[in-house]
């Protein structure tokens, strides 16, 4: 029923380089997501960030690493270097990113020597070649001794398609994996002390996880397989996630990273909200993280047995819908882990959302719906251009992903993209599942649709 864990299968490519050369921008461009924080400041990325992309029928994982600089000037330098070394140990090939606009530095030569010792395939990526200085310095990059530099602009997308072709040449076995694990993977996430462990125990019917009123009791995800009416599931109870600014260093920081990894591995995410303290900024942060990663999402209002007005579900749900307008498609389930109220309904919802994420629609019907929608409500004019959709196809499931071949992807306004998504949902459902829309230019290589 569920798709393979794309974050744990397939060859891994490590992106390395000194600070501020554009590694995170390249990561975001390759993975078509803004998971990596991009800032014009050295050392913005310290932790490793994993993502993936499909290209020409192949699947590749990518890891963005912290910038390698002078460890003496950066208190996090040794930890960053250790993280890069671990990424290199996991990876099958390396993208060594240098700033063509600046040219080679002593740190670049040091990194190049480290990569030669690692004895892995290395592709030298010359970023920022859209600038005059970058174009002038390109020939000088041969001096690092890693072959012909590959010219790109991560910010503007120049050369990215050719770079993805070159990556596939380095890892020719990058096939899209077969769907081997049929279990529905469920991650229970939320702020500390909202009752995640209690819900886990209510689902399993036993005290499998330590429950305490002290926030932060659970520090590591605990994977527990179980069966619900013939559906095999894997339940992950996670440490509470707080906003980045509220995370203490050390054990709690590690717990948050593990919890986010659990979301990465999940098919369906249960975002637990405490009815006594609903709609906090932390809840919105967690919802955004799960949405960004393309998961199925169910909003679970826990401790409903403590509600002053238990007949006010409709009004409470309306408040949640108003707060989470960016994902109004996510169902809301009221539960009480203490009494068991709503637990069976919650599991039935999990099965439904997992099935929805696997749904495929016919190409002809999809194009009919989209062209009718555009005829009824045409796109706005952007930069004196009007969007034209040439063809639409569903390229993937889990999450359902639709590729639009258009005249110019740069003029797709986010509000019109939301309009098209809403029309797809109105026609085909997808309750509880993220839906991804990808826009490609008419000259870009088509995405191969899996059988």
Protein backbone atom coordinates (compact mmCIF):
# COMPACT_ATOMS: atom_id res chain seq x y z
CA UNK A 1 0.00 0.00 0.00
CA UNK A 2 2.75 2.47 0.84
CA UNK A 3 5.52 3.70 -1.36
CA UNK A 4 9.18 2.92 -0.68
CA UNK A 5 11.09 5.12 1.70
CA UNK A 6 12.71 7.37 -0.86
CA UNK A 7 14.84 9.01 1.80
CA UNK A 8 16.56 5.71 2.67
CA UNK A 9 16.89 3.98 -0.71
CA UNK A 10 18.91 4.73 -3.81
CA UNK A 11 22.45 6.04 -4.25
CA UNK A 12 23.50 9.03 -2.15
CA UNK A 13 25.34 12.08 -3.53
CA UNK A 14 27.14 14.36 -1.05
CA UNK A 15 27.40 18.10 -1.70
CA UNK A 16 30.58 19.51 -0.12
CA UNK A 17 32.54 22.74 -0.27
CA UNK A 18 33.65 25.68 1.78
CA UNK A 19 31.09 28.10 3.27
CA UNK A 20 29.01 30.42 1.11
CA UNK A 21 29.67 28.82 -2.28
CA UNK A 22 26.01 27.93 -2.87
CA UNK A 23 25.78 24.32 -1.67
CA UNK A 24 22.35 24.78 -0.10
CA UNK A 25 21.04 26.67 -3.12
CA UNK A 26 22.19 23.77 -5.31
CA UNK A 27 20.55 21.27 -2.93
CA UNK A 28 17.27 23.19 -3.11
CA UNK A 29 17.46 23.38 -6.88
CA UNK A 30 18.13 19.66 -7.30
CA UNK A 31 15.42 18.56 -4.88
CA UNK A 32 12.87 21.22 -5.95
CA UNK A 33 12.34 22.19 -2.34
CA UNK A 34 13.45 24.89 0.06
CA UNK A 35 14.47 22.50 2.83
CA UNK A 36 18.00 23.88 3.17
CA UNK A 37 18.29 27.37 4.65
CA UNK A 38 19.94 29.64 2.08
CA UNK A 39 21.52 32.84 3.38
CA UNK A 40 24.40 34.99 2.18
CA UNK A 41 26.34 34.24 5.34
CA UNK A 42 29.12 31.68 5.80
CA UNK A 43 28.27 28.68 7.93
CA UNK A 44 24.47 28.88 7.69
CA UNK A 45 24.20 25.10 7.20
CA UNK A 46 25.69 23.09 10.06
CA UNK A 47 23.63 19.92 10.07
CA UNK A 48 23.38 17.45 7.22
CA UNK A 49 20.12 17.76 5.28
CA UNK A 50 18.83 14.90 3.14
CA UNK A 51 16.59 15.07 0.10
CA UNK A 52 16.06 13.32 -3.22
CA UNK A 53 15.12 13.85 -6.84
CA UNK A 54 13.79 11.79 -9.75
CA UNK A 55 15.28 12.42 -13.18
CA UNK A 56 14.83 10.52 -16.42
CA UNK A 57 13.32 7.51 -14.65
CA UNK A 58 16.04 7.37 -11.97
CA UNK A 59 16.00 8.17 -8.25
CA UNK A 60 18.93 9.78 -6.43
CA UNK A 61 19.34 10.93 -2.83
CA UNK A 62 21.29 14.09 -2.00
CA UNK A 63 22.86 15.28 1.27
CA UNK A 64 23.76 18.92 1.89
CA UNK A 65 26.66 19.40 4.31
CA UNK A 66 28.08 22.25 6.35
CA UNK A 67 30.77 24.46 4.90
CA UNK A 68 34.35 23.34 5.49
CA UNK A 69 36.51 26.25 6.62
CA UNK A 70 39.04 27.11 9.28
CA UNK A 71 38.10 25.04 12.35
CA UNK A 72 40.00 27.43 14.62
CA UNK A 73 37.74 30.35 13.65
CA UNK A 74 34.47 28.41 13.95
CA UNK A 75 33.51 26.74 17.25
CA UNK A 76 31.33 24.36 15.26
CA UNK A 77 34.13 23.58 12.82
CA UNK A 78 35.10 20.17 14.24
CA UNK A 79 31.45 19.05 14.37
CA UNK A 80 30.88 20.22 10.79
CA UNK A 81 33.98 18.38 9.60
CA UNK A 82 32.84 15.24 11.41
CA UNK A 83 29.43 15.52 9.72
CA UNK A 84 31.02 15.93 6.29
CA UNK A 85 33.21 12.89 6.87
CA UNK A 86 30.14 10.85 7.81
CA UNK A 87 28.31 12.05 4.70
CA UNK A 88 31.29 11.05 2.55
CA UNK A 89 31.33 7.62 4.18
CA UNK A 90 27.65 7.16 3.28
CA UNK A 91 27.82 8.64 -0.24
CA UNK A 92 28.63 6.93 -3.52
CA UNK A 93 29.73 10.13 -5.27
CA UNK A 94 30.47 13.78 -4.47
CA UNK A 95 29.56 17.18 -5.88
CA UNK A 96 32.42 19.52 -4.95
CA UNK A 97 30.99 23.03 -5.21
CA UNK A 98 33.28 26.03 -5.73
CA UNK A 99 32.45 29.71 -6.22
CA UNK A 100 33.51 30.54 -9.78
CA UNK A 101 32.91 34.24 -9.16
CA UNK A 102 35.53 34.27 -6.39
CA UNK A 103 37.88 31.66 -7.79
CA UNK A 104 39.86 29.00 -5.94
CA UNK A 105 40.93 29.56 -2.33
CA UNK A 106 43.28 27.73 0.00
CA UNK A 107 40.24 26.03 1.55
CA UNK A 108 39.18 24.74 -1.88
CA UNK A 109 42.59 23.12 -2.43
CA UNK A 110 42.43 21.54 1.04
CA UNK A 111 38.97 20.10 0.37
CA UNK A 112 40.09 18.79 -3.02
CA UNK A 113 42.95 16.91 -1.38
CA UNK A 114 40.55 15.44 1.19
CA UNK A 115 38.25 14.25 -1.61
CA UNK A 116 41.13 12.63 -3.49
CA UNK A 117 41.95 10.63 -0.35
CA UNK A 118 38.28 9.58 -0.07
CA UNK A 119 38.68 7.79 -3.42
CA UNK A 120 35.12 8.44 -4.64
CA UNK A 121 33.81 9.81 -7.95
CA UNK A 122 33.92 13.61 -7.71
CA UNK A 123 32.23 16.14 -9.98
CA UNK A 124 33.64 19.66 -9.72
CA UNK A 125 30.68 22.06 -9.82
CA UNK A 126 31.47 25.67 -10.66
CA UNK A 127 28.61 27.70 -9.20
CA UNK A 128 27.70 31.35 -9.91
CA UNK A 129 28.84 31.17 -13.52
CA UNK A 130 26.00 33.51 -14.47
CA UNK A 131 28.25 36.39 -13.38
CA UNK A 132 30.97 37.97 -15.51
CA UNK A 133 33.62 37.06 -12.94
CA UNK A 134 32.37 33.48 -12.86
CA UNK A 135 32.67 33.16 -16.61
CA UNK A 136 36.16 34.67 -16.60
CA UNK A 137 37.43 32.37 -13.81
CA UNK A 138 36.04 29.09 -15.15
CA UNK A 139 39.31 28.01 -16.82
CA UNK A 140 41.30 28.68 -13.62
CA UNK A 141 39.31 25.99 -11.80
CA UNK A 142 41.18 23.23 -13.62
CA UNK A 143 44.06 23.99 -11.23
CA UNK A 144 42.32 22.13 -8.41
CA UNK A 145 43.07 18.90 -10.28
CA UNK A 146 39.59 17.34 -10.37
CA UNK A 147 38.90 17.51 -14.06
CA UNK A 148 36.60 19.72 -16.08
CA UNK A 149 34.49 22.11 -13.99
CA UNK A 150 30.72 21.82 -14.52
CA UNK A 151 29.28 25.31 -14.93
CA UNK A 152 25.95 26.05 -13.19
CA UNK A 153 23.98 28.79 -11.51
CA UNK A 154 22.08 27.23 -8.63
CA UNK A 155 20.04 30.36 -8.01
CA UNK A 156 18.88 30.77 -11.61
CA UNK A 157 18.81 27.08 -12.61
CA UNK A 158 21.42 27.39 -15.35
CA UNK A 159 22.94 24.01 -16.26
CA UNK A 160 20.97 22.04 -13.66
CA UNK A 161 19.40 19.61 -16.16
CA UNK A 162 22.81 18.78 -17.63
CA UNK A 163 24.21 18.41 -14.12
CA UNK A 164 21.49 15.88 -13.25
CA UNK A 165 22.43 13.93 -16.39
CA UNK A 166 26.06 13.93 -15.23
CA UNK A 167 25.02 12.71 -11.77
CA UNK A 168 23.20 9.76 -13.33
CA UNK A 169 26.35 8.94 -15.30
CA UNK A 170 28.26 8.73 -11.99
CA UNK A 171 25.65 6.43 -10.39
CA UNK A 172 24.19 4.38 -13.26
CA UNK A 173 22.29 2.05 -10.90
CA UNK A 174 19.98 4.79 -9.62
CA UNK A 175 16.70 3.03 -10.41
CA UNK A 176 13.43 4.09 -8.82
CA UNK A 177 13.05 1.41 -6.11
CA UNK A 178 10.41 -1.26 -6.12
CA UNK A 179 7.73 -0.99 -3.48
CA UNK A 180 8.87 -3.67 -1.08
CA UNK A 181 7.60 -2.57 2.33
CA UNK A 182 3.80 -2.60 2.31
CA UNK A 183 3.39 -1.35 5.86
CA UNK A 184 1.74 2.00 6.51
CA UNK A 185 4.30 4.04 8.40
CA UNK A 186 2.74 6.44 10.89
CA UNK A 187 4.65 9.16 12.75
CA UNK A 188 3.07 10.71 15.83
CA UNK A 189 4.40 14.24 16.21
CA UNK A 190 3.61 17.35 18.19
CA UNK A 191 4.79 19.69 20.86
CA UNK A 192 6.13 18.20 24.10
CA UNK A 193 3.54 16.93 26.55
CA UNK A 194 0.49 16.90 24.26
CA UNK A 195 -0.12 13.18 24.80
CA UNK A 196 1.74 11.53 21.93
CA UNK A 197 2.95 8.60 24.03
CA UNK A 198 -0.50 8.17 25.54
CA UNK A 199 -2.00 7.93 22.06
CA UNK A 200 0.67 5.39 21.13
CA UNK A 201 -0.29 3.27 24.13
CA UNK A 202 -4.01 3.64 23.34
CA UNK A 203 -3.41 2.46 19.76
CA UNK A 204 -1.31 -0.50 20.84
CA UNK A 205 -3.52 -1.37 23.80
CA UNK A 206 -0.61 -1.56 26.20
CA UNK A 207 1.90 0.64 27.95
CA UNK A 208 4.63 0.24 25.34
CA UNK A 209 6.03 3.78 25.81
CA UNK A 210 6.88 5.62 29.03
CA UNK A 211 4.24 8.25 29.79
CA UNK A 212 5.02 11.20 32.03
CA UNK A 213 3.72 14.71 32.71
CA UNK A 214 7.29 15.98 32.39
CA UNK A 215 7.85 17.45 28.90
CA UNK A 216 10.58 15.73 26.92
CA UNK A 217 10.23 12.23 28.39
CA UNK A 218 10.50 10.60 24.97
CA UNK A 219 13.86 11.30 23.33
CA UNK A 220 14.21 8.66 20.63
CA UNK A 221 11.65 7.42 18.08
CA UNK A 222 10.38 3.95 18.92
CA UNK A 223 9.27 1.91 15.92
CA UNK A 224 6.47 -0.53 16.77
CA UNK A 225 4.85 -2.78 14.14
CA UNK A 226 1.19 -3.72 14.62
CA UNK A 227 -1.85 -4.84 12.65
CA UNK A 228 -5.17 -3.02 12.30
CA UNK A 229 -7.97 -4.96 10.62
CA UNK A 230 -5.58 -6.65 8.23
CA UNK A 231 -3.48 -3.55 7.52
CA UNK A 232 0.14 -3.79 8.60
CA UNK A 233 1.39 -0.60 10.21
CA UNK A 234 4.58 0.73 11.75
CA UNK A 235 4.05 3.25 14.52
CA UNK A 236 6.73 5.78 15.42
CA UNK A 237 6.40 7.74 18.66
CA UNK A 238 8.65 10.78 18.55
CA UNK A 239 10.18 13.36 20.81
CA UNK A 240 8.23 16.63 20.93
CA UNK A 241 9.29 19.17 18.32
CA UNK A 242 9.79 22.78 19.31
CA UNK A 243 10.50 25.74 17.12
CA UNK A 244 14.16 26.05 16.14
CA UNK A 245 14.72 29.06 18.35
CA UNK A 246 13.40 27.16 21.37
CA UNK A 247 15.60 24.09 20.98
CA UNK A 248 18.35 23.62 23.53
CA UNK A 249 21.65 22.20 22.39
CA UNK A 250 22.59 18.65 23.24
CA UNK A 251 20.09 15.89 23.84
CA UNK A 252 16.95 17.89 22.97
CA UNK A 253 18.44 19.10 19.69
CA UNK A 254 19.25 15.50 18.81
CA UNK A 255 15.69 14.47 19.72
CA UNK A 256 14.21 17.08 17.37
CA UNK A 257 16.44 15.88 14.54
CA UNK A 258 15.33 12.29 15.16
CA UNK A 259 11.68 13.37 15.22
CA UNK A 260 12.07 15.16 11.90
CA UNK A 261 13.73 12.05 10.49
CA UNK A 262 10.67 10.08 11.62
CA UNK A 263 8.48 12.46 9.61
CA UNK A 264 10.76 11.86 6.63
CA UNK A 265 10.20 8.09 6.95
CA UNK A 266 6.45 8.29 7.48
CA UNK A 267 3.58 7.91 5.06
CA UNK A 268 1.01 9.49 7.37
CA UNK A 269 1.77 12.05 10.09
CA UNK A 270 -0.49 12.44 13.11
CA UNK A 271 -0.09 15.99 14.40
CA UNK A 272 -1.30 15.88 17.99
CA UNK A 273 -2.86 19.09 19.30
CA UNK A 274 -3.80 19.59 22.95
CA UNK A 275 -7.35 20.93 23.12
CA UNK A 276 -6.42 22.79 26.32
CA UNK A 277 -3.73 24.77 24.44
CA UNK A 278 -4.59 24.69 20.75
CA UNK A 279 -3.23 26.50 17.72
CA UNK A 280 0.25 27.46 18.83
CA UNK A 281 3.13 28.61 16.63
CA UNK A 282 4.91 25.31 17.32
CA UNK A 283 1.97 23.35 15.92
CA UNK A 284 2.06 25.45 12.77
CA UNK A 285 5.80 24.85 12.43
CA UNK A 286 5.33 21.09 12.69
CA UNK A 287 2.44 21.13 10.20
CA UNK A 288 4.60 23.09 7.78
CA UNK A 289 7.46 20.62 8.14
CA UNK A 290 5.21 17.64 7.37
CA UNK A 291 3.59 19.52 4.47
CA UNK A 292 6.98 20.45 3.03
CA UNK A 293 7.97 16.81 3.04
CA UNK A 294 4.88 15.69 1.14
CA UNK A 295 3.24 13.57 3.84
CA UNK A 296 -0.28 12.53 4.59
CA UNK A 297 -1.47 14.60 7.54
CA UNK A 298 -4.20 14.10 10.13
CA UNK A 299 -4.81 16.72 12.84
CA UNK A 300 -5.50 14.92 16.13
CA UNK A 301 -7.19 16.94 18.86
CA UNK A 302 -6.26 15.04 22.02
CA UNK A 303 -7.61 15.23 25.60
CA UNK A 304 -11.12 15.89 24.31
CA UNK A 305 -12.46 14.26 27.48
CA UNK A 306 -11.26 17.38 29.33
CA UNK A 307 -13.14 19.82 27.07
CA UNK A 308 -15.57 22.10 28.92
CA UNK A 309 -18.09 21.87 26.06
CA UNK A 310 -17.82 18.44 24.45
CA UNK A 311 -20.62 19.36 22.03
CA UNK A 312 -18.50 22.10 20.48
CA UNK A 313 -16.57 19.94 18.02
CA UNK A 314 -17.87 21.79 14.98
CA UNK A 315 -16.87 25.20 16.35
CA UNK A 316 -13.45 23.90 17.45
CA UNK A 317 -12.85 22.32 14.04
CA UNK A 318 -13.78 25.62 12.38
CA UNK A 319 -11.11 27.38 14.45
CA UNK A 320 -8.52 24.83 13.34
CA UNK A 321 -9.56 25.11 9.70
CA UNK A 322 -9.23 28.88 9.88
CA UNK A 323 -5.78 28.60 11.44
CA UNK A 324 -4.51 25.98 8.99
CA UNK A 325 -5.91 27.41 5.77
CA UNK A 326 -2.78 26.29 3.93
CA UNK A 327 -3.85 22.67 4.44
CA UNK A 328 -7.60 22.71 4.73
CA UNK A 329 -7.60 19.23 3.15
CA UNK A 330 -6.23 17.65 6.35
CA UNK A 331 -8.96 15.80 8.31
CA UNK A 332 -9.49 16.49 12.01
CA UNK A 333 -10.01 13.66 14.50
CA UNK A 334 -11.02 14.20 18.15
CA UNK A 335 -9.56 11.68 20.60
CA UNK A 336 -9.01 10.91 24.22
CA UNK A 337 -6.02 8.70 24.84
CA UNK A 338 -7.22 8.23 28.42
CA UNK A 339 -10.67 6.84 27.53
CA UNK A 340 -9.86 5.47 24.06
CA UNK A 341 -12.43 7.73 22.42
CA UNK A 342 -11.81 8.23 18.70
CA UNK A 343 -8.81 5.88 18.47
CA UNK A 344 -10.46 3.36 16.13
CA UNK A 345 -11.78 6.18 13.93
CA UNK A 346 -8.26 7.60 13.85
CA UNK A 347 -6.80 4.32 12.58
CA UNK A 348 -9.50 4.05 9.93
CA UNK A 349 -8.54 7.55 8.81
CA UNK A 350 -4.88 6.51 8.62
CA UNK A 351 -5.78 3.63 6.29
CA UNK A 352 -7.93 5.93 4.16
CA UNK A 353 -5.21 8.58 3.80
CA UNK A 354 -2.58 5.94 2.96
CA UNK A 355 -4.84 4.61 0.19
CA UNK A 356 -5.53 8.11 -1.11
CA UNK A 357 -1.81 8.77 -1.45
CA UNK A 358 -1.55 5.80 -3.85
CA UNK A 359 -4.37 6.96 -6.12
CA UNK A 360 -3.63 7.61 -9.81
CA UNK A 361 -5.84 9.58 -12.16
CA UNK A 362 -6.09 9.13 -15.91
CA UNK A 363 -4.08 11.57 -18.01
CA UNK A 364 -6.99 12.39 -20.28
CA UNK A 365 -9.33 13.19 -17.38
CA UNK A 366 -6.62 15.23 -15.66
CA UNK A 367 -6.03 17.38 -18.74
CA UNK A 368 -9.77 17.83 -19.23
CA UNK A 369 -10.16 19.11 -15.66
CA UNK A 370 -7.19 21.48 -15.89
CA UNK A 371 -8.13 22.96 -19.25
CA UNK A 372 -11.72 23.46 -18.10
CA UNK A 373 -10.48 25.20 -14.94
CA UNK A 374 -8.25 27.52 -16.98
CA UNK A 375 -11.07 28.32 -19.36
CA UNK A 376 -13.32 29.30 -16.44
CA UNK A 377 -10.64 31.23 -14.58
CA UNK A 378 -7.65 32.25 -16.67
CA UNK A 379 -4.20 32.84 -15.18
CA UNK A 380 -3.02 36.38 -14.38
CA UNK A 381 -0.61 38.19 -16.68
CA UNK A 382 2.91 38.15 -15.24
CA UNK A 383 5.75 40.11 -16.87
CA UNK A 384 3.54 40.73 -19.90
CA UNK A 385 3.10 36.96 -20.33
CA UNK A 386 0.17 34.64 -19.78
CA UNK A 387 0.63 31.10 -18.56
CA UNK A 388 -0.16 28.36 -21.07
CA UNK A 389 -0.45 24.74 -19.98
CA UNK A 390 0.54 22.42 -22.79
CA UNK A 391 0.12 19.08 -21.05
CA UNK A 392 -0.36 17.63 -17.56
CA UNK A 393 0.51 14.17 -16.27
CA UNK A 394 0.67 12.45 -12.90
CA UNK A 395 4.33 11.55 -12.45
CA UNK A 396 4.26 9.86 -9.03
CA UNK A 397 2.23 8.78 -6.03
CA UNK A 398 2.92 9.15 -2.30
CA UNK A 399 2.50 12.04 -2.56
CA UNK A 400 0.46 12.43 -5.74
CA UNK A 401 2.69 14.54 -7.99
CA UNK A 402 1.48 16.30 -11.12
CA UNK A 403 3.86 17.69 -13.73
CA UNK A 404 2.63 20.65 -15.80
CA UNK A 405 4.47 21.35 -19.05
CA UNK A 406 4.03 25.09 -19.61
CA UNK A 407 5.34 27.90 -21.77
CA UNK A 408 7.24 29.56 -18.89
CA UNK A 409 7.46 28.12 -15.35
CA UNK A 410 8.75 31.45 -14.00
CA UNK A 411 5.36 33.15 -14.45
CA UNK A 412 3.35 30.62 -12.39
CA UNK A 413 1.95 32.71 -9.54
CA UNK A 414 1.59 30.88 -6.22
CA UNK A 415 -2.09 31.86 -5.96
CA UNK A 416 -2.84 30.33 -9.35
CA UNK A 417 -0.91 27.22 -8.42
CA UNK A 418 -3.15 26.94 -5.35
CA UNK A 419 -6.20 27.37 -7.60
CA UNK A 420 -5.08 24.51 -9.86
CA UNK A 421 -4.38 22.30 -6.84
CA UNK A 422 -7.84 23.00 -5.45
CA UNK A 423 -9.41 22.03 -8.78
CA UNK A 424 -7.49 18.74 -8.79
CA UNK A 425 -8.64 18.05 -5.23
CA UNK A 426 -12.24 18.92 -6.06
CA UNK A 427 -12.18 16.48 -8.97
CA UNK A 428 -10.19 13.59 -7.52
CA UNK A 429 -10.24 13.91 -3.73
CA UNK A 430 -6.84 13.31 -2.09
CA UNK A 431 -8.21 14.02 1.39
CA UNK A 432 -5.41 14.05 3.95
CA UNK A 433 -2.59 13.91 1.40
CA UNK A 434 -0.17 16.51 0.23
CA UNK A 435 -0.41 17.12 -3.51
CA UNK A 436 2.63 18.37 -5.38
CA UNK A 437 2.50 20.45 -8.55
CA UNK A 438 5.69 20.71 -10.62
CA UNK A 439 5.97 23.15 -13.52
CA UNK A 440 8.45 22.52 -16.32
CA UNK A 441 9.25 24.50 -19.45
CA UNK A 442 8.47 23.07 -22.85
CA UNK A 443 12.19 22.59 -23.56
CA UNK A 444 12.93 20.69 -20.35
CA UNK A 445 13.33 16.94 -20.42
CA UNK A 446 9.99 15.22 -19.66
CA UNK A 447 9.55 13.24 -16.47
CA UNK A 448 9.12 9.54 -17.10
CA UNK A 449 5.90 8.31 -15.56
CA UNK A 450 6.38 5.09 -13.53
CA UNK A 451 4.17 2.18 -14.57
